[in-house]
């Protein structure tokens, strides 16, 4: 871990809110040792160049580096719009220049995340909620899928909800809000929205969802028509003989429901 200026200007006390950057290379583990060395060198150089272009004080960043990854806490007062806009645009341009003469399967492609939140120093690095949250955003399937679905892109950037709202939505960058795609990040204990930008990619392309099969319509079963039941005593008319009870069922369906119920040909 490089403690660039922690005890000098921009050093952290017990608690502060800081601007955070996290980077990780796609498919680094499948590269051979020679290409991994090239990637490591390129990441350091490209980050330095992008920081210079954005006028961000790279000398006073506190960084943790892991070969194919970089985590940085920027000094107090670092510009969020500068990290979101000119830094990311210059990083993308640098990646494209690096990959220009390479076979596609040997490209250096990066995922990046930007967040702002509470941090403090621990015995072996940075602690508090913001470092955990940015790592969840960086490692989210939403950001990974965004880079995978854009094979011509060299970079995919995810902004935390607070950074997108305060920086992009408020017009502090040259980005339009519709250049980002909203994505839900559900990674371990972190569940929140992030906003993803893929340079040259179709960020508006929806994430494929599994279609829920619709129930097959059940054929309508016609219920039997109700009937009226009545009884009548039928006698012999003055003979004194006891009549018998006759039961008659009358179908209450309309005449037009009965076959042959039309009036044509009816007998008077």
Protein backbone atom coordinates (compact mmCIF):
# COMPACT_ATOMS: atom_id res chain seq x y z
CA UNK A 1 0.00 0.00 0.00
CA UNK A 2 1.38 3.34 -1.00
CA UNK A 3 0.81 5.95 1.70
CA UNK A 4 1.19 8.90 -0.59
CA UNK A 5 0.90 11.97 1.58
CA UNK A 6 -1.27 10.40 4.29
CA UNK A 7 0.61 12.18 7.03
CA UNK A 8 1.03 15.29 4.98
CA UNK A 9 -1.48 17.49 3.18
CA UNK A 10 -4.64 15.50 2.55
CA UNK A 11 -3.88 12.98 5.29
CA UNK A 12 -6.85 11.27 6.94
CA UNK A 13 -7.88 11.70 10.54
CA UNK A 14 -10.19 9.41 12.48
CA UNK A 15 -13.15 10.02 10.15
CA UNK A 16 -13.51 11.78 6.80
CA UNK A 17 -15.55 11.58 3.65
CA UNK A 18 -13.34 11.00 0.63
CA UNK A 19 -13.56 10.39 -3.09
CA UNK A 20 -12.74 6.78 -3.99
CA UNK A 21 -11.63 5.09 -7.20
CA UNK A 22 -11.41 1.36 -7.89
CA UNK A 23 -10.13 -0.41 -11.01
CA UNK A 24 -9.86 -4.03 -12.07
CA UNK A 25 -8.67 -5.70 -15.28
CA UNK A 26 -10.88 -8.17 -17.12
CA UNK A 27 -9.47 -11.68 -17.78
CA UNK A 28 -6.14 -10.87 -16.13
CA UNK A 29 -5.81 -14.37 -14.73
CA UNK A 30 -5.92 -15.97 -18.17
CA UNK A 31 -2.98 -13.88 -19.42
CA UNK A 32 0.54 -15.27 -19.37
CA UNK A 33 3.24 -13.77 -17.14
CA UNK A 34 4.61 -11.52 -19.87
CA UNK A 35 1.23 -10.01 -20.65
CA UNK A 36 0.44 -9.60 -16.96
CA UNK A 37 3.60 -7.52 -16.54
CA UNK A 38 2.55 -5.39 -19.51
CA UNK A 39 -0.90 -4.92 -18.02
CA UNK A 40 0.46 -3.92 -14.62
CA UNK A 41 2.79 -1.36 -16.15
CA UNK A 42 0.07 0.00 -18.43
CA UNK A 43 -2.45 0.40 -15.59
CA UNK A 44 -0.02 2.50 -13.54
CA UNK A 45 0.97 4.64 -16.52
CA UNK A 46 -2.56 5.14 -17.81
CA UNK A 47 -3.87 6.13 -14.37
CA UNK A 48 -1.02 8.63 -13.98
CA UNK A 49 -1.73 10.13 -17.41
CA UNK A 50 -5.48 10.35 -16.77
CA UNK A 51 -4.90 11.98 -13.38
CA UNK A 52 -2.61 14.57 -14.95
CA UNK A 53 -5.14 15.30 -17.69
CA UNK A 54 -7.88 15.79 -15.06
CA UNK A 55 -5.59 17.90 -12.83
CA UNK A 56 -5.95 15.46 -9.96
CA UNK A 57 -3.08 15.39 -7.47
CA UNK A 58 -1.85 11.85 -8.12
CA UNK A 59 1.12 12.26 -5.76
CA UNK A 60 -1.20 12.50 -2.78
CA UNK A 61 -3.49 9.59 -3.56
CA UNK A 62 -3.47 6.77 -1.03
CA UNK A 63 -3.46 3.56 -3.07
CA UNK A 64 -3.66 -0.17 -2.60
CA UNK A 65 -2.50 -2.06 -5.68
CA UNK A 66 -3.05 -5.72 -6.48
CA UNK A 67 -1.45 -6.46 -9.83
CA UNK A 68 -4.59 -6.26 -11.97
CA UNK A 69 -6.41 -3.88 -9.63
CA UNK A 70 -6.09 -0.52 -7.96
CA UNK A 71 -7.95 1.08 -5.08
CA UNK A 72 -7.35 4.75 -4.36
CA UNK A 73 -8.48 7.26 -1.77
CA UNK A 74 -8.09 10.75 -3.17
CA UNK A 75 -6.99 13.67 -0.97
CA UNK A 76 -9.52 15.98 0.60
CA UNK A 77 -10.79 18.56 -1.83
CA UNK A 78 -10.32 16.31 -4.87
CA UNK A 79 -12.80 17.16 -7.62
CA UNK A 80 -15.54 14.59 -8.19
CA UNK A 81 -16.48 15.99 -11.63
CA UNK A 82 -12.82 15.78 -12.67
CA UNK A 83 -12.61 12.10 -11.71
CA UNK A 84 -15.91 11.25 -13.38
CA UNK A 85 -15.41 13.16 -16.62
CA UNK A 86 -11.92 14.08 -17.92
CA UNK A 87 -10.20 11.31 -15.96
CA UNK A 88 -12.45 8.55 -17.33
CA UNK A 89 -12.42 9.91 -20.86
CA UNK A 90 -8.63 10.11 -20.86
CA UNK A 91 -8.36 6.62 -19.34
CA UNK A 92 -10.56 5.24 -22.13
CA UNK A 93 -8.46 7.01 -24.78
CA UNK A 94 -5.29 5.61 -23.23
CA UNK A 95 -6.69 2.08 -23.20
CA UNK A 96 -7.68 2.33 -26.87
CA UNK A 97 -4.21 3.54 -27.79
CA UNK A 98 -2.63 0.70 -25.79
CA UNK A 99 -4.84 -1.91 -27.50
CA UNK A 100 -4.64 -0.47 -31.02
CA UNK A 101 -2.12 -2.94 -32.48
CA UNK A 102 -3.08 -5.90 -30.32
CA UNK A 103 -5.19 -8.92 -31.10
CA UNK A 104 -8.58 -8.55 -29.47
CA UNK A 105 -8.03 -11.43 -27.03
CA UNK A 106 -4.91 -9.67 -25.69
CA UNK A 107 -6.64 -6.33 -24.99
CA UNK A 108 -6.38 -4.63 -21.64
CA UNK A 109 -9.97 -3.91 -20.57
CA UNK A 110 -10.88 -2.30 -17.27
CA UNK A 111 -13.85 -2.02 -14.97
CA UNK A 112 -13.90 1.16 -12.88
CA UNK A 113 -16.03 2.41 -10.00
CA UNK A 114 -16.33 5.82 -8.35
CA UNK A 115 -17.81 6.42 -4.91
CA UNK A 116 -17.77 9.00 -2.15
CA UNK A 117 -18.15 8.13 1.51
CA UNK A 118 -16.65 7.68 4.97
CA UNK A 119 -13.14 6.27 5.30
CA UNK A 120 -10.51 6.04 8.00
CA UNK A 121 -7.15 4.41 8.53
CA UNK A 122 -6.86 0.96 10.06
CA UNK A 123 -3.84 -1.09 11.10
CA UNK A 124 -3.54 -2.66 7.65
CA UNK A 125 -5.31 -0.34 5.23
CA UNK A 126 -8.47 1.67 4.73
CA UNK A 127 -11.58 0.85 6.75
CA UNK A 128 -15.23 1.95 7.04
CA UNK A 129 -18.27 1.49 4.80
CA UNK A 130 -17.23 3.33 1.62
CA UNK A 131 -14.28 1.04 0.74
CA UNK A 132 -16.53 -2.01 1.13
CA UNK A 133 -19.30 -0.44 -0.96
CA UNK A 134 -17.06 0.51 -3.86
CA UNK A 135 -15.61 -3.00 -3.96
CA UNK A 136 -19.13 -4.43 -4.22
CA UNK A 137 -19.95 -2.08 -7.10
CA UNK A 138 -16.70 -2.93 -8.90
CA UNK A 139 -17.28 -6.66 -8.55
CA UNK A 140 -21.00 -6.58 -9.36
CA UNK A 141 -22.43 -8.72 -12.13
CA UNK A 142 -24.10 -5.60 -13.57
CA UNK A 143 -20.73 -3.97 -14.27
CA UNK A 144 -19.10 -7.19 -15.44
CA UNK A 145 -21.96 -7.90 -17.82
CA UNK A 146 -21.87 -4.35 -19.19
CA UNK A 147 -18.25 -4.81 -20.30
CA UNK A 148 -18.88 -8.31 -21.62
CA UNK A 149 -21.83 -7.18 -23.77
CA UNK A 150 -19.70 -4.45 -25.37
CA UNK A 151 -16.83 -6.34 -27.04
CA UNK A 152 -15.47 -3.19 -28.71
CA UNK A 153 -15.24 -1.29 -25.43
CA UNK A 154 -12.08 -1.04 -23.35
CA UNK A 155 -13.70 0.43 -20.24
CA UNK A 156 -16.91 0.18 -18.22
CA UNK A 157 -17.50 2.70 -15.44
CA UNK A 158 -19.99 2.46 -12.57
CA UNK A 159 -20.88 5.47 -10.45
CA UNK A 160 -22.46 5.03 -7.07
CA UNK A 161 -25.91 6.48 -6.62
CA UNK A 162 -24.64 9.48 -4.64
CA UNK A 163 -21.94 10.35 -7.20
CA UNK A 164 -24.31 10.10 -10.16
CA UNK A 165 -26.97 12.17 -8.43
CA UNK A 166 -24.65 14.92 -7.16
CA UNK A 167 -22.29 15.14 -10.13
CA UNK A 168 -23.93 13.97 -13.36
CA UNK A 169 -27.57 14.80 -12.70
CA UNK A 170 -26.63 18.25 -11.43
CA UNK A 171 -24.78 19.03 -14.65
CA UNK A 172 -21.21 19.24 -13.34
CA UNK A 173 -19.82 17.12 -16.20
CA UNK A 174 -20.15 17.02 -19.97
CA UNK A 175 -22.07 13.73 -19.73
CA UNK A 176 -25.76 13.48 -20.51
CA UNK A 177 -27.71 11.45 -18.00
CA UNK A 178 -28.98 9.17 -20.79
CA UNK A 179 -25.41 8.05 -21.47
CA UNK A 180 -25.66 5.99 -18.28
CA UNK A 181 -27.74 2.92 -17.59
CA UNK A 182 -29.23 2.40 -14.18
CA UNK A 183 -28.42 -1.01 -12.71
CA UNK A 184 -29.27 -2.70 -9.46
CA UNK A 185 -26.27 -3.95 -7.49
CA UNK A 186 -27.00 -6.82 -5.14
CA UNK A 187 -23.68 -8.04 -3.83
CA UNK A 188 -23.46 -9.57 -0.36
CA UNK A 189 -24.62 -6.92 2.12
CA UNK A 190 -24.78 -4.13 -0.49
CA UNK A 191 -28.07 -3.53 -2.32
CA UNK A 192 -28.33 -0.24 -4.15
CA UNK A 193 -28.48 1.37 -7.58
CA UNK A 194 -25.40 2.17 -9.65
CA UNK A 195 -25.12 4.02 -12.96
CA UNK A 196 -23.01 2.51 -15.72
CA UNK A 197 -21.26 4.19 -18.65
CA UNK A 198 -19.59 2.16 -21.40
CA UNK A 199 -17.71 4.34 -23.93
CA UNK A 200 -18.89 3.38 -27.40
CA UNK A 201 -21.28 0.80 -26.01
CA UNK A 202 -25.05 0.63 -26.13
CA UNK A 203 -25.74 1.26 -22.46
CA UNK A 204 -29.47 1.51 -23.15
CA UNK A 205 -29.57 -2.14 -24.17
CA UNK A 206 -31.69 -3.80 -21.48
CA UNK A 207 -30.29 -6.63 -19.43
CA UNK A 208 -31.83 -9.88 -20.71
CA UNK A 209 -34.51 -11.21 -18.38
CA UNK A 210 -36.03 -14.63 -18.21
CA UNK A 211 -39.54 -14.55 -19.57
CA UNK A 212 -42.19 -15.98 -17.29
CA UNK A 213 -44.38 -18.42 -19.23
CA UNK A 214 -47.96 -17.28 -19.47
CA UNK A 215 -50.69 -19.70 -18.31
CA UNK A 216 -52.41 -21.61 -21.09
CA UNK A 217 -56.05 -20.45 -21.42
CA UNK A 218 -58.51 -23.04 -20.21
CA UNK A 219 -61.40 -23.74 -22.58
CA UNK A 220 -64.66 -22.31 -21.32
CA UNK A 221 -66.90 -24.98 -19.93
CA UNK A 222 -70.56 -24.24 -20.43
CA UNK A 223 -72.58 -24.75 -17.31
CA UNK A 224 -75.92 -26.53 -17.56
CA UNK A 225 -78.80 -24.10 -17.94
CA UNK A 226 -80.88 -23.67 -14.79
CA UNK A 227 -84.27 -25.30 -14.77
CA UNK A 228 -87.56 -24.58 -12.98
CA UNK A 229 -89.27 -27.43 -11.28
CA UNK A 230 -92.97 -27.45 -10.42
CA UNK A 231 -95.60 -30.00 -9.59
CA UNK A 232 -99.26 -30.19 -10.45
CA UNK A 233 -102.00 -32.50 -9.32
CA UNK A 234 -103.61 -34.19 -12.28
CA UNK A 235 -107.01 -35.63 -11.59
CA UNK A 236 -109.78 -37.31 -13.54
CA UNK A 237 -112.18 -34.41 -13.42
CA UNK A 238 -115.14 -35.12 -11.18
CA UNK A 239 -114.73 -38.89 -10.99
CA UNK A 240 -113.65 -38.80 -7.39
CA UNK A 241 -110.51 -40.70 -8.22
CA UNK A 242 -107.35 -39.39 -6.49
CA UNK A 243 -105.08 -37.69 -9.03
CA UNK A 244 -101.30 -38.27 -9.29
CA UNK A 245 -98.52 -35.72 -8.99
CA UNK A 246 -96.68 -34.93 -12.27
CA UNK A 247 -93.27 -33.16 -12.22
CA UNK A 248 -92.17 -31.09 -15.19
CA UNK A 249 -88.65 -29.56 -15.79
CA UNK A 250 -88.55 -26.41 -17.94
CA UNK A 251 -85.24 -25.36 -19.51
CA UNK A 252 -84.75 -21.61 -18.87
CA UNK A 253 -82.24 -21.06 -21.67
CA UNK A 254 -83.18 -18.54 -24.29
CA UNK A 255 -84.81 -19.89 -27.41
CA UNK A 256 -81.85 -18.81 -29.55
CA UNK A 257 -79.62 -21.17 -27.57
CA UNK A 258 -81.64 -24.17 -28.56
CA UNK A 259 -80.89 -25.98 -31.80
CA UNK A 260 -83.67 -25.57 -34.30
CA UNK A 261 -85.30 -22.87 -32.23
CA UNK A 262 -85.57 -20.38 -35.10
CA UNK A 263 -88.99 -19.22 -36.17
CA UNK A 264 -88.51 -20.21 -39.80
CA UNK A 265 -90.72 -23.13 -40.61
CA UNK A 266 -92.52 -22.97 -37.27
CA UNK A 267 -95.99 -24.47 -37.27
CA UNK A 268 -98.85 -22.21 -36.25
